[in-house]
Amino acid sequence: GILEKYRGKERDVIIPDGVTSIGVESFRGCKRIKTVTIPDGVIDIDSCAFAECTNLQHVTIPMSVRNISLYSFAFCDKLNDIVIPEGIVEIKKGAFDKEKVKIVGIITARTIKKTKKSITEVFLERDS
């Protein structure tokens, strides 16, 4: 189903299983959130889904995600790096603040297993 609007107050958010799409502006402006774990099965992260989450520092994006829409993570001032799953089909304009997100990596689950390093240790630099 579609997660349409987050109304919680947690700092560390775990999106429940069964969600297939994170809706337009569903987390927009949630300033308390520091981390978000997106479950396998989510395919789309819609426009401005996490925009203006100014304290968001870490997002786990699963291999199932195919589309990251316009401004999905815009103005997330503390989000410095992110791992993009290998199956991604489209990252739309302004999905990330290029000046703030220093490293954008594309990574495979096999790479993580093989190296036995943390996700952040196996980022690949990429200009996007």
Protein backbone atom coordinates (compact mmCIF):
# COMPACT_ATOMS: atom_id res chain seq x y z
CA GLY A 1 0.00 0.00 0.00
CA ILE A 2 0.89 3.69 -0.06
CA LEU A 3 2.18 5.43 3.04
CA GLU A 4 0.32 8.72 2.66
CA LYS A 5 1.20 10.71 5.78
CA TYR A 6 3.48 10.08 8.74
CA ARG A 7 2.07 11.40 12.00
CA GLY A 8 4.46 9.85 14.50
CA LYS A 9 7.03 11.52 16.73
CA GLU A 10 9.84 8.97 16.67
CA ARG A 11 13.42 9.97 15.86
CA ASP A 12 14.20 6.58 14.31
CA VAL A 13 11.47 5.51 11.89
CA ILE A 14 10.98 2.00 10.57
CA ILE A 15 8.43 1.97 7.78
CA PRO A 16 6.23 -1.13 8.15
CA ASP A 17 6.28 -4.12 5.83
CA GLY A 18 3.53 -4.04 3.22
CA VAL A 19 4.25 -0.47 2.14
CA THR A 20 5.02 -0.35 -1.60
CA SER A 21 5.14 3.41 -2.11
CA ILE A 22 6.11 6.35 0.08
CA GLY A 23 3.61 9.00 -0.97
CA VAL A 24 3.99 12.63 -2.00
CA GLU A 25 5.13 14.76 0.96
CA SER A 26 4.40 11.91 3.38
CA PHE A 27 7.27 12.88 5.73
CA ARG A 28 7.81 16.45 4.54
CA GLY A 29 8.97 18.76 7.29
CA CYS A 30 9.26 16.06 9.99
CA LYS A 31 12.14 17.73 11.79
CA ARG A 32 12.46 15.15 14.60
CA ILE A 33 13.41 12.25 12.32
CA LYS A 34 17.09 11.21 12.37
CA THR A 35 16.98 7.81 10.64
CA VAL A 36 14.58 6.04 8.31
CA THR A 37 14.59 2.36 7.45
CA ILE A 38 12.60 1.57 4.33
CA PRO A 39 11.55 -2.10 4.04
CA ASP A 40 12.14 -4.36 1.09
CA GLY A 41 9.03 -4.20 -1.05
CA VAL A 42 8.92 -0.42 -1.40
CA ILE A 43 9.21 0.42 -5.10
CA ASP A 44 8.64 4.19 -5.26
CA ILE A 45 9.72 7.15 -3.17
CA ASP A 46 7.43 9.95 -4.35
CA SER A 47 7.97 13.69 -4.78
CA CYS A 48 9.08 15.56 -1.68
CA ALA A 49 8.54 12.42 0.43
CA PHE A 50 11.29 13.40 2.90
CA ALA A 51 11.82 17.03 1.87
CA GLU A 52 12.71 19.43 4.67
CA CYS A 53 13.45 16.67 7.18
CA THR A 54 16.29 18.86 8.41
CA ASN A 55 17.63 16.42 11.02
CA LEU A 56 17.55 13.31 8.82
CA GLN A 57 21.04 11.79 8.89
CA HIS A 58 20.63 8.26 7.56
CA VAL A 59 18.26 6.46 5.20
CA THR A 60 18.33 2.77 4.35
CA ILE A 61 16.98 2.27 0.83
CA PRO A 62 16.28 -1.39 -0.05
CA MET A 63 17.09 -3.18 -3.31
CA SER A 64 13.37 -3.16 -4.25
CA VAL A 65 13.27 0.64 -4.83
CA ARG A 66 13.12 1.50 -8.54
CA ASN A 67 12.17 5.20 -8.54
CA ILE A 68 13.22 8.19 -6.46
CA SER A 69 11.09 11.13 -7.53
CA LEU A 70 11.47 14.91 -7.67
CA TYR A 71 12.93 16.52 -4.56
CA SER A 72 12.41 13.36 -2.48
CA PHE A 73 15.24 14.28 -0.09
CA ALA A 74 15.54 18.03 -0.82
CA PHE A 75 16.60 20.27 2.06
CA CYS A 76 17.63 17.37 4.28
CA ASP A 77 20.49 19.41 5.72
CA LYS A 78 22.17 16.64 7.71
CA LEU A 79 21.92 13.87 5.11
CA ASN A 80 25.54 13.60 3.98
CA ASP A 81 25.61 10.27 2.20
CA ILE A 82 23.23 7.69 0.82
CA VAL A 83 23.42 4.29 -0.83
CA ILE A 84 21.41 3.84 -4.01
CA PRO A 85 20.42 0.21 -4.71
CA GLU A 86 21.59 -1.34 -7.97
CA GLY A 87 18.08 -1.89 -9.30
CA ILE A 88 17.23 1.82 -9.41
CA VAL A 89 15.61 2.82 -12.69
CA GLU A 90 15.12 6.55 -12.24
CA ILE A 91 16.35 9.33 -9.97
CA LYS A 92 14.51 12.52 -10.84
CA LYS A 93 15.69 16.12 -10.71
CA GLY A 94 16.57 17.48 -7.31
CA ALA A 95 16.05 14.15 -5.54
CA PHE A 96 19.07 15.00 -3.37
CA ASP A 97 20.75 18.30 -2.54
CA LYS A 98 23.92 17.84 -4.56
CA GLU A 99 25.90 20.32 -2.44
CA LYS A 100 25.06 18.50 0.79
CA VAL A 101 24.98 14.83 -0.22
CA LYS A 102 28.69 14.39 -0.82
CA ILE A 103 28.77 10.75 -1.82
CA VAL A 104 26.09 8.94 -3.76
CA GLY A 105 26.83 5.27 -4.22
CA ILE A 106 25.36 2.46 -6.23
CA ILE A 107 25.91 -0.78 -4.44
CA THR A 108 24.95 -4.39 -4.74
CA ALA A 109 24.07 -6.73 -1.90
CA ARG A 110 26.81 -9.05 -3.19
CA THR A 111 29.42 -6.30 -2.72
CA ILE A 112 28.44 -5.81 0.91
CA LYS A 113 28.53 -9.56 1.64
CA LYS A 114 31.81 -10.11 -0.17
CA THR A 115 33.72 -7.29 1.54
CA LYS A 116 32.16 -7.77 4.99
CA LYS A 117 32.44 -3.99 5.43
CA SER A 118 29.74 -1.62 6.49
CA ILE A 119 27.63 -0.01 3.80
CA THR A 120 29.39 3.33 4.22
CA GLU A 121 32.80 1.72 3.69
CA VAL A 122 31.84 0.46 0.25
CA PHE A 123 30.35 3.60 -1.33
CA LEU A 124 31.30 4.25 -4.92
CA GLU A 125 31.75 7.90 -5.85
CA ARG A 126 29.42 9.09 -8.54
CA ASP A 127 28.53 12.45 -10.07
CA SER A 128 24.81 12.68 -10.57
